[in-house]
């Protein structure tokens, strides 16, 4: 845009740039904001309006601009869950469920006892660890709840650690 700027407009752009630099914005962000301000000033000039009527002070402008864009970028980050994170959550759930089933079947059922011989009982770590239906259901529910709780704690810890490192 080959627009001649007034001294007031140059001063405003300079102050906005300094404010952005003090808030540790990237060069790309500074360039984008400058371009938007230049477009605003040119549009205002074309319509015969003072460009500073609806602009705040440089500090307030930068603060509001960064708040709005930070909120938008946070929403985009929350929406994007990578395949790696999904795989981590799913695999940790399965591993914790299997470990819980193994521990419960070892200590709360006679399945691993050498004296335990029932011809029609087939042990399966996924869904059949006891010969009593109600006890088997109870142990499976305990395993599922434990796996869900521990997996959610792991995922919450990893997300909070990832958020702190940014």
C-alpha atoms as a PDB file:
ATOM      1  CA  UNK A   1       0.000   0.000   0.000  1.00  0.00           C
ATOM      2  CA  UNK A   2       1.634   3.157  -1.202  1.00  0.00           C
ATOM      3  CA  UNK A   3      -0.136   5.481   1.207  1.00  0.00           C
ATOM      4  CA  UNK A   4       1.618   8.486   2.715  1.00  0.00           C
ATOM      5  CA  UNK A   5       1.125   8.458   6.446  1.00  0.00           C
ATOM      6  CA  UNK A   6       0.734  11.522   8.597  1.00  0.00           C
ATOM      7  CA  UNK A   7       3.097  12.030  11.505  1.00  0.00           C
ATOM      8  CA  UNK A   8       0.299  11.088  13.921  1.00  0.00           C
ATOM      9  CA  UNK A   9      -0.284   7.806  12.056  1.00  0.00           C
ATOM     10  CA  UNK A  10       3.444   7.041  11.938  1.00  0.00           C
ATOM     11  CA  UNK A  11       3.709   7.739  15.661  1.00  0.00           C
ATOM     12  CA  UNK A  12       0.732   5.460  16.372  1.00  0.00           C
ATOM     13  CA  UNK A  13       2.227   2.612  14.297  1.00  0.00           C
ATOM     14  CA  UNK A  14       5.591   3.078  16.011  1.00  0.00           C
ATOM     15  CA  UNK A  15       3.965   2.955  19.469  1.00  0.00           C
ATOM     16  CA  UNK A  16       1.962  -0.145  18.549  1.00  0.00           C
ATOM     17  CA  UNK A  17       5.144  -1.828  17.273  1.00  0.00           C
ATOM     18  CA  UNK A  18       7.015  -0.978  20.475  1.00  0.00           C
ATOM     19  CA  UNK A  19       4.140  -2.295  22.578  1.00  0.00           C
ATOM     20  CA  UNK A  20       4.085  -5.531  20.588  1.00  0.00           C
ATOM     21  CA  UNK A  21       7.850  -5.920  20.978  1.00  0.00           C
ATOM     22  CA  UNK A  22       7.564  -5.334  24.731  1.00  0.00           C
ATOM     23  CA  UNK A  23       4.936  -8.108  24.875  1.00  0.00           C
ATOM     24  CA  UNK A  24       7.311 -10.440  23.009  1.00  0.00           C
ATOM     25  CA  UNK A  25       5.178 -10.808  19.875  1.00  0.00           C
ATOM     26  CA  UNK A  26       6.632 -12.464  16.806  1.00  0.00           C
ATOM     27  CA  UNK A  27       7.742 -10.485  13.775  1.00  0.00           C
ATOM     28  CA  UNK A  28       4.930 -12.105  11.813  1.00  0.00           C
ATOM     29  CA  UNK A  29       2.336 -10.870  14.328  1.00  0.00           C
ATOM     30  CA  UNK A  30       3.812  -7.363  14.233  1.00  0.00           C
ATOM     31  CA  UNK A  31       3.689  -7.344  10.432  1.00  0.00           C
ATOM     32  CA  UNK A  32       0.077  -8.586  10.358  1.00  0.00           C
ATOM     33  CA  UNK A  33      -1.074  -5.975  12.874  1.00  0.00           C
ATOM     34  CA  UNK A  34       0.733  -3.186  11.009  1.00  0.00           C
ATOM     35  CA  UNK A  35      -0.911  -4.273   7.749  1.00  0.00           C
ATOM     36  CA  UNK A  36      -4.337  -4.285   9.388  1.00  0.00           C
ATOM     37  CA  UNK A  37      -3.771  -0.832  10.864  1.00  0.00           C
ATOM     38  CA  UNK A  38      -2.584   0.519   7.508  1.00  0.00           C
ATOM     39  CA  UNK A  39      -5.685  -0.921   5.828  1.00  0.00           C
ATOM     40  CA  UNK A  40      -7.874   0.659   8.510  1.00  0.00           C
ATOM     41  CA  UNK A  41      -6.187   4.035   8.072  1.00  0.00           C
ATOM     42  CA  UNK A  42      -6.523   3.873   4.276  1.00  0.00           C
ATOM     43  CA  UNK A  43     -10.199   2.863   4.458  1.00  0.00           C
ATOM     44  CA  UNK A  44     -10.887   5.656   6.943  1.00  0.00           C
ATOM     45  CA  UNK A  45      -9.149   8.167   4.687  1.00  0.00           C
ATOM     46  CA  UNK A  46     -11.179   6.975   1.671  1.00  0.00           C
ATOM     47  CA  UNK A  47     -14.433   7.455   3.586  1.00  0.00           C
ATOM     48  CA  UNK A  48     -13.364  10.800   5.032  1.00  0.00           C
ATOM     49  CA  UNK A  49     -13.313   9.543   8.633  1.00  0.00           C
ATOM     50  CA  UNK A  50     -10.620  10.183  11.215  1.00  0.00           C
ATOM     51  CA  UNK A  51      -8.826   6.804  11.636  1.00  0.00           C
ATOM     52  CA  UNK A  52      -8.259   7.439  15.352  1.00  0.00           C
ATOM     53  CA  UNK A  53     -11.961   7.802  16.201  1.00  0.00           C
ATOM     54  CA  UNK A  54     -12.413   4.113  16.913  1.00  0.00           C
ATOM     55  CA  UNK A  55      -8.839   3.226  17.907  1.00  0.00           C
ATOM     56  CA  UNK A  56      -7.741   3.098  21.520  1.00  0.00           C
ATOM     57  CA  UNK A  57      -4.331   3.983  22.843  1.00  0.00           C
ATOM     58  CA  UNK A  58      -1.570   1.755  21.434  1.00  0.00           C
ATOM     59  CA  UNK A  59      -1.297  -0.193  24.716  1.00  0.00           C
ATOM     60  CA  UNK A  60      -5.052  -0.836  24.906  1.00  0.00           C
ATOM     61  CA  UNK A  61      -5.200  -1.726  21.207  1.00  0.00           C
ATOM     62  CA  UNK A  62      -2.392  -4.281  21.537  1.00  0.00           C
ATOM     63  CA  UNK A  63      -3.854  -5.713  24.751  1.00  0.00           C
ATOM     64  CA  UNK A  64      -7.299  -6.182  23.195  1.00  0.00           C
ATOM     65  CA  UNK A  65      -5.899  -7.520  19.935  1.00  0.00           C
ATOM     66  CA  UNK A  66      -3.697 -10.101  21.671  1.00  0.00           C
ATOM     67  CA  UNK A  67      -6.509 -11.164  24.016  1.00  0.00           C
ATOM     68  CA  UNK A  68      -8.839 -11.805  21.096  1.00  0.00           C
ATOM     69  CA  UNK A  69      -6.242 -13.665  19.044  1.00  0.00           C
ATOM     70  CA  UNK A  70      -4.932 -15.616  22.044  1.00  0.00           C
ATOM     71  CA  UNK A  71      -8.472 -16.810  22.774  1.00  0.00           C
ATOM     72  CA  UNK A  72      -8.916 -17.879  19.160  1.00  0.00           C
ATOM     73  CA  UNK A  73      -5.593 -19.720  19.067  1.00  0.00           C
ATOM     74  CA  UNK A  74      -6.361 -21.463  22.384  1.00  0.00           C
ATOM     75  CA  UNK A  75      -9.699 -22.641  20.985  1.00  0.00           C
ATOM     76  CA  UNK A  76      -7.919 -23.984  17.905  1.00  0.00           C
ATOM     77  CA  UNK A  77      -5.367 -25.786  20.094  1.00  0.00           C
ATOM     78  CA  UNK A  78      -8.092 -27.360  22.223  1.00  0.00           C
ATOM     79  CA  UNK A  79      -9.902 -28.597  19.126  1.00  0.00           C
ATOM     80  CA  UNK A  80      -6.851 -30.235  17.672  1.00  0.00           C
ATOM     81  CA  UNK A  81      -6.073 -33.485  19.434  1.00  0.00           C
ATOM     82  CA  UNK A  82      -3.336 -35.332  17.641  1.00  0.00           C
ATOM     83  CA  UNK A  83      -3.398 -38.991  16.704  1.00  0.00           C
ATOM     84  CA  UNK A  84      -0.460 -39.520  19.038  1.00  0.00           C
ATOM     85  CA  UNK A  85      -2.496 -38.286  22.006  1.00  0.00           C
ATOM     86  CA  UNK A  86      -5.465 -40.472  21.085  1.00  0.00           C
ATOM     87  CA  UNK A  87      -3.182 -43.485  20.691  1.00  0.00           C
ATOM     88  CA  UNK A  88      -1.528 -42.746  24.044  1.00  0.00           C
ATOM     89  CA  UNK A  89      -4.882 -42.502  25.823  1.00  0.00           C
ATOM     90  CA  UNK A  90      -6.295 -45.624  24.225  1.00  0.00           C
ATOM     91  CA  UNK A  91      -3.196 -47.738  24.804  1.00  0.00           C
ATOM     92  CA  UNK A  92      -2.860 -46.607  28.421  1.00  0.00           C
ATOM     93  CA  UNK A  93      -6.537 -47.464  29.015  1.00  0.00           C
ATOM     94  CA  UNK A  94      -6.104 -50.974  27.594  1.00  0.00           C
ATOM     95  CA  UNK A  95      -2.873 -51.646  29.484  1.00  0.00           C
ATOM     96  CA  UNK A  96      -4.292 -50.411  32.786  1.00  0.00           C
ATOM     97  CA  UNK A  97      -7.481 -52.443  32.264  1.00  0.00           C
ATOM     98  CA  UNK A  98      -5.501 -55.622  31.593  1.00  0.00           C
ATOM     99  CA  UNK A  99      -3.209 -55.060  34.577  1.00  0.00           C
ATOM    100  CA  UNK A 100      -6.189 -54.417  36.814  1.00  0.00           C
ATOM    101  CA  UNK A 101      -7.934 -57.565  35.574  1.00  0.00           C
ATOM    102  CA  UNK A 102      -4.778 -59.602  36.151  1.00  0.00           C
ATOM    103  CA  UNK A 103      -4.259 -58.276  39.679  1.00  0.00           C
ATOM    104  CA  UNK A 104      -7.922 -58.751  40.632  1.00  0.00           C
ATOM    105  CA  UNK A 105      -8.019 -62.281  39.205  1.00  0.00           C
ATOM    106  CA  UNK A 106      -4.813 -63.203  41.033  1.00  0.00           C
ATOM    107  CA  UNK A 107      -5.921 -61.964  44.448  1.00  0.00           C
ATOM    108  CA  UNK A 108      -9.742 -62.068  44.457  1.00  0.00           C
ATOM    109  CA  UNK A 109     -10.582 -65.190  42.462  1.00  0.00           C
ATOM    110  CA  UNK A 110      -9.489 -68.819  42.640  1.00  0.00           C
ATOM    111  CA  UNK A 111      -8.702 -68.850  38.893  1.00  0.00           C
ATOM    112  CA  UNK A 112      -4.937 -69.209  39.337  1.00  0.00           C
ATOM    113  CA  UNK A 113      -5.186 -71.724  42.157  1.00  0.00           C
ATOM    114  CA  UNK A 114      -3.815 -75.161  41.211  1.00  0.00           C
ATOM    115  CA  UNK A 115      -6.746 -76.783  43.025  1.00  0.00           C
ATOM    116  CA  UNK A 116      -9.314 -74.832  40.959  1.00  0.00           C
ATOM    117  CA  UNK A 117     -10.702 -77.246  38.367  1.00  0.00           C
ATOM    118  CA  UNK A 118     -14.098 -76.475  36.839  1.00  0.00           C
ATOM    119  CA  UNK A 119     -14.610 -78.118  33.470  1.00  0.00           C
ATOM    120  CA  UNK A 120     -17.022 -75.574  32.015  1.00  0.00           C
ATOM    121  CA  UNK A 121     -15.080 -72.431  33.077  1.00  0.00           C
ATOM    122  CA  UNK A 122     -12.792 -70.834  30.490  1.00  0.00           C
ATOM    123  CA  UNK A 123     -10.556 -68.124  31.883  1.00  0.00           C
ATOM    124  CA  UNK A 124     -10.238 -65.003  29.712  1.00  0.00           C
ATOM    125  CA  UNK A 125      -8.504 -61.910  31.064  1.00  0.00           C
ATOM    126  CA  UNK A 126     -10.749 -59.552  29.041  1.00  0.00           C
ATOM    127  CA  UNK A 127     -14.170 -60.663  30.233  1.00  0.00           C
ATOM    128  CA  UNK A 128     -14.179 -63.889  32.259  1.00  0.00           C
ATOM    129  CA  UNK A 129     -11.951 -63.961  35.327  1.00  0.00           C
ATOM    130  CA  UNK A 130     -14.400 -65.584  37.732  1.00  0.00           C
ATOM    131  CA  UNK A 131     -16.930 -68.409  37.495  1.00  0.00           C
ATOM    132  CA  UNK A 132     -19.563 -66.369  39.386  1.00  0.00           C
ATOM    133  CA  UNK A 133     -21.390 -64.006  37.042  1.00  0.00           C
ATOM    134  CA  UNK A 134     -22.070 -61.247  39.585  1.00  0.00           C
ATOM    135  CA  UNK A 135     -18.493 -61.344  40.926  1.00  0.00           C
ATOM    136  CA  UNK A 136     -17.073 -61.348  37.399  1.00  0.00           C
ATOM    137  CA  UNK A 137     -19.250 -58.336  36.503  1.00  0.00           C
ATOM    138  CA  UNK A 138     -18.188 -56.508  39.658  1.00  0.00           C
ATOM    139  CA  UNK A 139     -14.488 -57.100  38.975  1.00  0.00           C
ATOM    140  CA  UNK A 140     -14.828 -55.989  35.348  1.00  0.00           C
ATOM    141  CA  UNK A 141     -16.583 -52.792  36.457  1.00  0.00           C
ATOM    142  CA  UNK A 142     -13.832 -52.122  39.009  1.00  0.00           C
ATOM    143  CA  UNK A 143     -11.211 -52.626  36.297  1.00  0.00           C
ATOM    144  CA  UNK A 144     -13.018 -50.357  33.835  1.00  0.00           C
ATOM    145  CA  UNK A 145     -13.477 -47.571  36.383  1.00  0.00           C
ATOM    146  CA  UNK A 146      -9.866 -47.834  37.558  1.00  0.00           C
ATOM    147  CA  UNK A 147      -8.605 -47.760  33.971  1.00  0.00           C
ATOM    148  CA  UNK A 148     -10.781 -44.739  33.133  1.00  0.00           C
ATOM    149  CA  UNK A 149      -9.681 -42.804  36.232  1.00  0.00           C
ATOM    150  CA  UNK A 150      -5.983 -43.547  35.870  1.00  0.00           C
ATOM    151  CA  UNK A 151      -6.028 -42.847  32.122  1.00  0.00           C
ATOM    152  CA  UNK A 152      -7.782 -39.518  32.657  1.00  0.00           C
ATOM    153  CA  UNK A 153      -5.201 -38.580  35.313  1.00  0.00           C
ATOM    154  CA  UNK A 154      -2.358 -39.477  32.951  1.00  0.00           C
ATOM    155  CA  UNK A 155      -3.865 -37.491  30.077  1.00  0.00           C
ATOM    156  CA  UNK A 156      -4.620 -34.514  32.361  1.00  0.00           C
ATOM    157  CA  UNK A 157      -1.041 -34.557  33.666  1.00  0.00           C
ATOM    158  CA  UNK A 158       0.447 -34.713  30.171  1.00  0.00           C
ATOM    159  CA  UNK A 159      -1.790 -31.894  28.880  1.00  0.00           C
ATOM    160  CA  UNK A 160      -1.013 -29.676  31.874  1.00  0.00           C
ATOM    161  CA  UNK A 161       2.708 -30.348  31.476  1.00  0.00           C
ATOM    162  CA  UNK A 162       2.477 -29.575  27.763  1.00  0.00           C
ATOM    163  CA  UNK A 163       0.621 -26.332  28.513  1.00  0.00           C
ATOM    164  CA  UNK A 164       3.274 -25.183  30.997  1.00  0.00           C
ATOM    165  CA  UNK A 165       6.116 -25.791  28.545  1.00  0.00           C
ATOM    166  CA  UNK A 166       4.628 -23.388  25.954  1.00  0.00           C
END
